Amino acid sequence: MAADTPFVPQLVSSVHMPARDIPMPTTISAQAQFTLSMLSQVPKQVMPPQGDAAGWDAYMALRAPVNEQITSAMALATTGVVVPEVASTVERLEFGTASVYVATPFGTDTADPRIFFNIHGGGFTDGGGVVAEQSTQYVAGSYGVRTWGMDYRMLPQHPYPAGLDDCMIAYRELLKVRRPEDIAVGGLSAGANLTAALLLRAHSEGLPMPAAAVLYSIPGDLTQSGDTYQTNRFMMASDGLGLLGELYAGDHDIRNPLVSPLFADYPADFPPTILIAGTRDFLLSDTSLLHRKLRSAGVRTELFIFEGAPHGGFGGRAPEDHEQVEIVRSFLEREWTNSGNGAEA
C-alpha cells in the first residue's frame, strides 16, 4: 500500500481463528484446574433433532442418574451449589402438574419464615425427579434456609409453556403461605431462564415480587446471538444446542420474552438481582447483557464473573464454588434484611 493511500477498514462478518491450544489458567485453584482438564476430555453428546423419538430415548438414557454418585453430580451441576455440611429433611408437595420438594436444614428455626424458591437447570431436559430431590437439599444446606425446589415438566415431551406454567402454579401456592418479602427465587441455566420468565409473568399478572432473584448463567437469548456462544463454544457439553431453543419454544416465537427473557422490558420494581457467570461460560454474554438491561431499567443488580469458570462453575468441589455460594448467601441475607426480614440463617 502506498504511503499516501488512506486505510479504509472493511466490515467483515466473521474473524477466522486458526487452530490453537488454550492453556490452563494458572489464576484458578488446583481443584478448578482439574475440573477444566476433566471437562476437556469428556466426549460431547449430540442432541437429536425434534421428532426423533428413538434418538431422544437414547440421548436421555445416557443422561439418566443411574447411581447415587451420578445423582449427586447432576444435582450440583443443575444448581451451582456445593455439598453442604448440614443435611436437610425433605418432603414432596403436589399441585396438579407442578411438583415441589421442600427441604429444611437441620436446626432451622421453625419461626424463620424465609423460603428460597429454587428452579433447577439442566437444559430444560435434565435435573428432575431424584436429582431435583437431591439438589433441593443441597441448595437448602448451602444457603442455610428452607427451600422449595421445583420438579417441573421438561423436554422433549413438554415444551414452553409447560415448565413455566408449573413454576407459576408453585409460586402462587408459595404466596399463600409466605409473604413476598419472605421469598427469594433463583436458578441456574434453564432454571435462571425460568426464574426471569416467572418473575416477568408474575409481574404482568399482578402478583407481588419476591425479595430477591438469583440468575446463575442465564440463557437469556435462545437465538444464541451472544458473542460467547461462539468464543466459548469449545466448552459446550453437547453438540446441537442450537436445536434446543427451537425445541423449547415449540410453536411460540423464540424471541418471546418469556422464552428468551433478554428480549423483555423489565420493570423498575423487578426484585434486586445477582447474576453469575464465568469467563469460559458460553452464557457469559447473555448474563452480562441482562445485567446491563436490568441496570438500565433501574433494578438494583450485581454481576460476578469467575475466572476460568465454565457453564455452571466447577462442579461444586472447588474453592471458587464455595466462594460463589457464600457470595449468593450474603446477597440473600442482605436483601431479606432490606425487605424487613432480618432472621439469621
Protein backbone atom coordinates (compact mmCIF):
# COMPACT_ATOMS: atom_id res chain seq x y z
CA MET A 1 0.00 0.00 0.00
CA ALA A 2 1.37 3.40 -0.94
CA ALA A 3 2.23 5.69 1.92
CA ASP A 4 -0.32 8.28 0.78
CA THR A 5 -3.15 5.75 0.34
CA PRO A 6 -5.69 6.07 3.17
CA PHE A 7 -6.63 2.94 5.07
CA VAL A 8 -10.33 2.20 4.73
CA PRO A 9 -11.44 -0.59 7.05
CA GLN A 10 -13.98 -3.06 5.73
CA LEU A 11 -16.77 -4.57 7.77
CA VAL A 12 -16.33 -8.34 7.94
CA SER A 13 -18.98 -10.80 9.09
CA SER A 14 -16.58 -13.09 10.95
CA VAL A 15 -12.99 -13.43 12.06
CA HIS A 16 -11.09 -16.61 11.16
CA MET A 17 -9.09 -18.05 14.04
CA PRO A 18 -6.54 -20.77 13.27
CA ALA A 19 -6.50 -23.93 15.36
CA ARG A 20 -4.85 -23.13 18.66
CA ASP A 21 -4.24 -24.50 22.13
CA ILE A 22 -5.75 -22.61 25.04
CA PRO A 23 -3.54 -23.03 28.11
CA MET A 24 -4.88 -23.98 31.51
CA PRO A 25 -5.33 -20.80 33.55
CA THR A 26 -2.91 -20.57 36.45
CA THR A 27 -5.13 -18.00 38.16
CA ILE A 28 -7.58 -20.59 39.48
CA SER A 29 -7.37 -23.26 42.16
CA ALA A 30 -5.91 -26.70 41.61
CA GLN A 31 -9.38 -28.22 42.02
CA ALA A 32 -10.77 -25.86 39.37
CA GLN A 33 -7.91 -26.74 37.02
CA PHE A 34 -8.66 -30.44 37.49
CA THR A 35 -12.33 -29.84 36.61
CA LEU A 36 -11.41 -27.97 33.43
CA SER A 37 -8.99 -30.74 32.48
CA MET A 38 -11.64 -33.39 33.06
CA LEU A 39 -14.28 -31.50 31.06
CA SER A 40 -11.93 -31.15 28.11
CA GLN A 41 -11.73 -34.95 27.86
CA VAL A 42 -15.46 -35.75 28.06
CA PRO A 43 -16.92 -36.58 24.63
CA LYS A 44 -19.67 -34.23 23.54
CA GLN A 45 -23.15 -35.69 23.36
CA VAL A 46 -25.12 -35.00 20.20
CA MET A 47 -28.61 -33.64 20.78
CA PRO A 48 -31.12 -35.34 18.44
CA PRO A 49 -33.45 -33.30 16.22
CA GLN A 50 -37.06 -32.64 17.09
CA GLY A 51 -39.31 -35.58 16.29
CA ASP A 52 -36.57 -38.21 16.57
CA ALA A 53 -38.23 -40.25 19.31
CA ALA A 54 -35.67 -43.07 19.25
CA GLY A 55 -32.82 -40.59 19.27
CA TRP A 56 -34.26 -38.78 22.27
CA ASP A 57 -34.78 -42.04 24.13
CA ALA A 58 -31.10 -42.89 23.62
CA TYR A 59 -29.99 -39.35 24.50
CA MET A 60 -31.95 -39.31 27.75
CA ALA A 61 -30.81 -42.83 28.66
CA LEU A 62 -27.19 -41.65 28.51
CA ARG A 63 -28.03 -38.85 30.95
CA ALA A 64 -30.06 -40.90 33.43
CA PRO A 65 -28.98 -40.78 37.11
CA VAL A 66 -28.17 -44.47 37.46
CA ASN A 67 -26.46 -44.31 40.86
CA GLU A 68 -26.01 -42.04 43.89
CA GLN A 69 -22.71 -40.63 42.62
CA ILE A 70 -24.21 -39.53 39.30
CA THR A 71 -27.32 -38.20 41.05
CA SER A 72 -25.13 -36.09 43.32
CA ALA A 73 -23.04 -34.80 40.40
CA MET A 74 -26.16 -33.87 38.45
CA ALA A 75 -27.67 -32.17 41.50
CA LEU A 76 -24.58 -29.99 41.77
CA ALA A 77 -24.38 -29.33 38.04
CA THR A 78 -28.01 -28.20 37.84
CA THR A 79 -27.86 -25.80 40.80
CA GLY A 80 -24.31 -24.47 41.08
CA VAL A 81 -24.13 -25.02 44.83
CA VAL A 82 -21.90 -27.31 46.92
CA VAL A 83 -22.37 -30.42 49.05
CA PRO A 84 -23.31 -28.77 52.35
CA GLU A 85 -22.10 -29.72 55.79
CA VAL A 86 -25.66 -29.53 57.13
CA ALA A 87 -28.17 -32.14 55.95
CA SER A 88 -31.85 -31.44 55.38
CA THR A 89 -35.15 -33.20 55.74
CA VAL A 90 -37.20 -33.34 52.55
CA GLU A 91 -40.84 -33.82 51.59
CA ARG A 92 -42.71 -33.64 48.29
CA LEU A 93 -45.74 -31.48 47.55
CA GLU A 94 -48.04 -31.91 44.55
CA PHE A 95 -50.04 -29.07 42.99
CA GLY A 96 -51.65 -30.60 39.92
CA THR A 97 -48.94 -30.79 37.24
CA ALA A 98 -46.47 -28.95 39.48
CA SER A 99 -44.32 -30.83 41.97
CA VAL A 100 -42.13 -29.29 44.65
CA TYR A 101 -39.57 -30.70 47.05
CA VAL A 102 -39.37 -28.89 50.39
CA ALA A 103 -36.00 -29.20 52.11
CA THR A 104 -35.40 -27.90 55.63
CA PRO A 105 -31.84 -27.82 57.01
CA PHE A 106 -31.43 -29.45 60.41
CA GLY A 107 -31.52 -26.81 63.12
CA THR A 108 -33.68 -24.36 61.17
CA ASP A 109 -35.72 -22.14 63.48
CA THR A 110 -39.37 -23.09 62.99
CA ALA A 111 -40.24 -19.39 63.28
CA ASP A 112 -37.96 -18.44 60.36
CA PRO A 113 -40.38 -17.67 57.50
CA ARG A 114 -37.76 -17.33 54.74
CA ILE A 115 -38.02 -19.56 51.69
CA PHE A 116 -35.66 -19.89 48.75
CA PHE A 117 -37.64 -20.98 45.70
CA ASN A 118 -35.16 -22.88 43.51
CA ILE A 119 -35.70 -23.77 39.85
CA HIS A 120 -33.15 -26.32 38.71
CA GLY A 121 -31.20 -26.18 35.47
CA GLY A 122 -30.38 -28.96 33.04
CA GLY A 123 -31.14 -27.61 29.57
CA PHE A 124 -34.91 -28.00 30.06
CA THR A 125 -34.28 -31.77 29.82
CA ASP A 126 -32.41 -32.85 32.98
CA GLY A 127 -32.48 -32.28 36.72
CA GLY A 128 -35.92 -33.55 37.67
CA GLY A 129 -37.09 -36.45 39.85
CA VAL A 130 -34.49 -37.86 42.21
CA VAL A 131 -32.00 -35.24 41.03
CA ALA A 132 -34.40 -32.43 41.97
CA GLU A 133 -34.94 -34.05 45.35
CA GLN A 134 -31.18 -34.15 45.97
CA SER A 135 -30.47 -30.70 44.56
CA THR A 136 -33.17 -29.11 46.72
CA GLN A 137 -31.42 -30.49 49.81
CA TYR A 138 -28.06 -29.22 48.54
CA VAL A 139 -29.48 -25.72 47.93
CA ALA A 140 -31.13 -25.64 51.35
CA GLY A 141 -27.93 -26.65 53.11
CA SER A 142 -25.73 -24.33 51.03
CA TYR A 143 -27.87 -21.25 51.65
CA GLY A 144 -28.91 -22.24 55.17
CA VAL A 145 -32.60 -21.72 54.58
CA ARG A 146 -35.75 -23.73 53.91
CA THR A 147 -36.03 -24.34 50.16
CA TRP A 148 -38.79 -25.16 47.74
CA GLY A 149 -37.26 -26.93 44.74
CA MET A 150 -39.24 -27.23 41.51
CA ASP A 151 -39.72 -30.51 39.69
CA TYR A 152 -41.29 -29.11 36.53
CA ARG A 153 -42.30 -30.71 33.24
CA MET A 154 -39.48 -30.80 30.68
CA LEU A 155 -38.44 -31.56 27.15
CA PRO A 156 -38.78 -33.37 24.88
CA GLN A 157 -42.42 -34.09 25.77
CA HIS A 158 -43.22 -30.70 27.31
CA PRO A 159 -42.04 -27.54 25.52
CA TYR A 160 -42.87 -24.00 26.60
CA PRO A 161 -45.01 -23.03 28.45
CA ALA A 162 -45.44 -26.28 30.43
CA GLY A 163 -42.43 -25.82 32.73
CA LEU A 164 -43.18 -22.13 33.27
CA ASP A 165 -46.83 -22.95 34.00
CA ASP A 166 -45.67 -25.37 36.71
CA CYS A 167 -43.40 -22.73 38.23
CA MET A 168 -46.28 -20.24 38.26
CA ILE A 169 -48.55 -22.75 39.98
CA ALA A 170 -45.94 -23.36 42.68
CA TYR A 171 -45.21 -19.64 43.13
CA ARG A 172 -48.90 -18.93 43.65
CA GLU A 173 -49.05 -21.72 46.23
CA LEU A 174 -45.97 -20.34 47.97
CA LEU A 175 -47.58 -16.89 48.18
CA LYS A 176 -50.49 -18.49 50.05
CA VAL A 177 -48.18 -19.48 52.90
CA ARG A 178 -45.46 -16.80 52.81
CA ARG A 179 -45.30 -13.04 52.40
CA PRO A 180 -43.44 -11.99 49.21
CA GLU A 181 -40.71 -10.40 51.33
CA ASP A 182 -40.03 -13.85 52.83
CA ILE A 183 -39.30 -15.32 49.38
CA ALA A 184 -36.26 -15.30 47.11
CA VAL A 185 -36.26 -17.01 43.71
CA GLY A 186 -33.35 -18.32 41.68
CA GLY A 187 -31.88 -20.92 39.41
CA LEU A 188 -29.01 -21.99 37.22
CA SER A 189 -29.06 -22.08 33.41
CA ALA A 190 -32.54 -23.22 32.31
CA GLY A 191 -33.58 -22.55 35.89
CA ALA A 192 -32.36 -18.97 35.56
CA ASN A 193 -34.32 -18.60 32.33
CA LEU A 194 -37.43 -19.87 34.09
CA THR A 195 -36.76 -17.62 37.09
CA ALA A 196 -36.67 -14.49 34.94
CA ALA A 197 -39.71 -15.63 32.96
CA LEU A 198 -41.60 -16.47 36.15
CA LEU A 199 -40.99 -13.01 37.61
CA LEU A 200 -41.88 -11.24 34.37
CA ARG A 201 -45.11 -13.21 34.07
CA ALA A 202 -45.95 -12.81 37.75
CA HIS A 203 -45.46 -9.06 37.44
CA SER A 204 -47.69 -8.89 34.35
CA GLU A 205 -50.39 -10.84 36.22
CA GLY A 206 -50.25 -8.51 39.22
CA LEU A 207 -48.57 -10.91 41.63
CA PRO A 208 -46.18 -9.44 44.21
CA MET A 209 -42.44 -9.63 43.61
CA PRO A 210 -40.14 -11.57 45.97
CA ALA A 211 -37.32 -10.04 47.99
CA ALA A 212 -34.55 -11.10 45.60
CA ALA A 213 -33.62 -13.08 42.50
CA VAL A 214 -30.55 -15.20 41.67
CA LEU A 215 -29.72 -15.72 37.98
CA TYR A 216 -26.76 -18.04 37.51
CA SER A 217 -25.53 -18.39 33.93
CA ILE A 218 -28.82 -17.48 32.27
CA PRO A 219 -29.67 -18.50 28.69
CA GLY A 220 -31.45 -15.21 28.12
CA ASP A 221 -31.47 -15.27 24.32
CA LEU A 222 -32.30 -18.70 22.89
CA THR A 223 -31.47 -17.46 19.39
CA GLN A 224 -27.89 -17.80 20.68
CA SER A 225 -26.77 -14.45 19.27
CA GLY A 226 -24.39 -13.65 22.13
CA ASP A 227 -20.68 -13.47 21.37
CA THR A 228 -19.63 -16.15 23.86
CA TYR A 229 -21.82 -18.77 22.20
CA GLN A 230 -19.02 -18.70 19.64
CA THR A 231 -15.90 -17.71 21.57
CA ASN A 232 -16.60 -20.24 24.36
CA ARG A 233 -18.16 -22.86 22.13
CA PHE A 234 -15.33 -25.27 22.95
CA MET A 235 -16.75 -25.53 26.49
CA MET A 236 -20.23 -26.67 25.42
CA ALA A 237 -21.15 -30.13 26.72
CA SER A 238 -23.42 -31.00 23.80
CA ASP A 239 -23.47 -30.52 20.06
CA GLY A 240 -26.74 -29.36 18.56
CA LEU A 241 -27.60 -26.84 21.30
CA GLY A 242 -28.93 -24.61 18.55
CA LEU A 243 -31.83 -27.03 18.31
CA LEU A 244 -32.61 -26.69 22.00
CA GLY A 245 -34.04 -23.18 21.77
CA GLU A 246 -36.33 -24.13 18.92
CA LEU A 247 -37.39 -27.31 20.69
CA TYR A 248 -38.15 -25.41 23.90
CA ALA A 249 -40.03 -22.62 22.10
CA GLY A 250 -42.19 -25.16 20.27
CA ASP A 251 -44.96 -23.32 18.41
CA HIS A 252 -44.04 -19.98 20.02
CA ASP A 253 -41.73 -17.22 18.82
CA ILE A 254 -38.24 -17.92 20.15
CA ARG A 255 -37.94 -14.16 20.81
CA ASN A 256 -40.98 -14.22 23.09
CA PRO A 257 -39.71 -12.52 26.28
CA LEU A 258 -40.98 -15.44 28.36
CA VAL A 259 -38.92 -17.82 26.20
CA SER A 260 -35.88 -15.55 25.78
CA PRO A 261 -36.01 -13.11 28.73
CA LEU A 262 -33.27 -10.90 27.28
CA PHE A 263 -35.94 -9.52 24.91
CA ALA A 264 -38.18 -8.37 27.77
CA ASP A 265 -38.82 -4.86 29.03
CA TYR A 266 -38.00 -5.00 32.73
CA PRO A 267 -39.99 -3.03 35.29
CA ALA A 268 -38.14 -0.90 37.80
CA ASP A 269 -39.69 -2.92 40.64
CA PHE A 270 -38.17 -6.18 39.40
CA PRO A 271 -36.53 -7.66 42.51
CA PRO A 272 -32.87 -6.97 43.37
CA THR A 273 -30.90 -9.47 41.32
CA ILE A 274 -27.50 -11.12 41.46
CA LEU A 275 -26.10 -12.56 38.21
CA ILE A 276 -23.20 -15.01 37.98
CA ALA A 277 -21.16 -16.44 35.09
CA GLY A 278 -17.59 -17.47 34.25
CA THR A 279 -15.00 -16.41 31.70
CA ARG A 280 -15.30 -19.81 29.95
CA ASP A 281 -19.08 -19.89 30.18
CA PHE A 282 -20.81 -19.85 26.79
CA LEU A 283 -23.63 -17.94 28.53
CA LEU A 284 -21.36 -15.14 29.72
CA SER A 285 -22.72 -12.83 27.01
CA ASP A 286 -26.36 -13.43 27.93
CA THR A 287 -25.59 -12.95 31.62
CA SER A 288 -23.68 -9.69 31.17
CA LEU A 289 -26.19 -8.30 28.65
CA LEU A 290 -29.07 -8.96 31.03
CA HIS A 291 -27.15 -7.28 33.84
CA ARG A 292 -26.85 -4.12 31.73
CA LYS A 293 -30.52 -4.29 30.78
CA LEU A 294 -31.60 -4.57 34.42
CA ARG A 295 -29.35 -1.64 35.38
CA SER A 296 -30.84 0.46 32.59
CA ALA A 297 -34.32 -0.31 33.96
CA GLY A 298 -33.29 0.95 37.41
CA VAL A 299 -33.16 -2.52 39.01
CA ARG A 300 -30.59 -2.96 41.78
CA THR A 301 -28.30 -5.67 40.45
CA GLU A 302 -24.86 -7.21 40.92
CA LEU A 303 -22.70 -9.18 38.48
CA PHE A 304 -19.96 -11.67 39.43
CA ILE A 305 -17.71 -13.25 36.81
CA PHE A 306 -15.49 -16.13 37.96
CA GLU A 307 -12.09 -16.60 36.36
CA GLY A 308 -11.81 -19.70 34.20
CA ALA A 309 -15.26 -20.95 35.20
CA PRO A 310 -17.23 -22.95 32.62
CA HIS A 311 -21.01 -23.11 32.50
CA GLY A 312 -22.33 -23.79 35.99
CA GLY A 313 -18.96 -23.48 37.75
CA PHE A 314 -16.52 -26.19 38.75
CA GLY A 315 -18.92 -28.93 39.80
CA GLY A 316 -19.32 -27.83 43.41
CA ARG A 317 -15.92 -29.08 44.53
CA ALA A 318 -13.54 -26.15 44.01
CA PRO A 319 -12.85 -23.25 46.41
CA GLU A 320 -14.37 -20.97 43.78
CA ASP A 321 -17.69 -22.82 44.08
CA HIS A 322 -17.71 -22.32 47.84
CA GLU A 323 -16.86 -18.64 47.38
CA GLN A 324 -19.72 -18.27 44.90
CA VAL A 325 -22.17 -19.87 47.35
CA GLU A 326 -21.06 -17.51 50.12
CA ILE A 327 -21.49 -14.51 47.80
CA VAL A 328 -25.05 -15.57 46.96
CA ARG A 329 -25.84 -16.40 50.57
CA SER A 330 -24.63 -12.97 51.73
CA PHE A 331 -26.65 -11.31 48.97
CA LEU A 332 -29.80 -13.17 50.01
CA GLU A 333 -29.36 -12.39 53.70
CA ARG A 334 -28.83 -8.70 52.91
CA GLU A 335 -31.88 -8.48 50.66
CA TRP A 336 -34.06 -10.33 53.15
CA THR A 337 -32.90 -7.83 55.78
CA ASN A 338 -33.60 -4.91 53.43
CA SER A 339 -37.10 -6.25 52.81
CA GLY A 340 -37.81 -6.28 56.54
CA ASN A 341 -36.95 -9.88 57.29
CA GLY A 342 -33.88 -9.87 59.49
CA ALA A 343 -33.86 -13.51 60.59
CA GLU A 344 -30.42 -15.09 60.94
CA ALA A 345 -29.51 -18.07 58.79
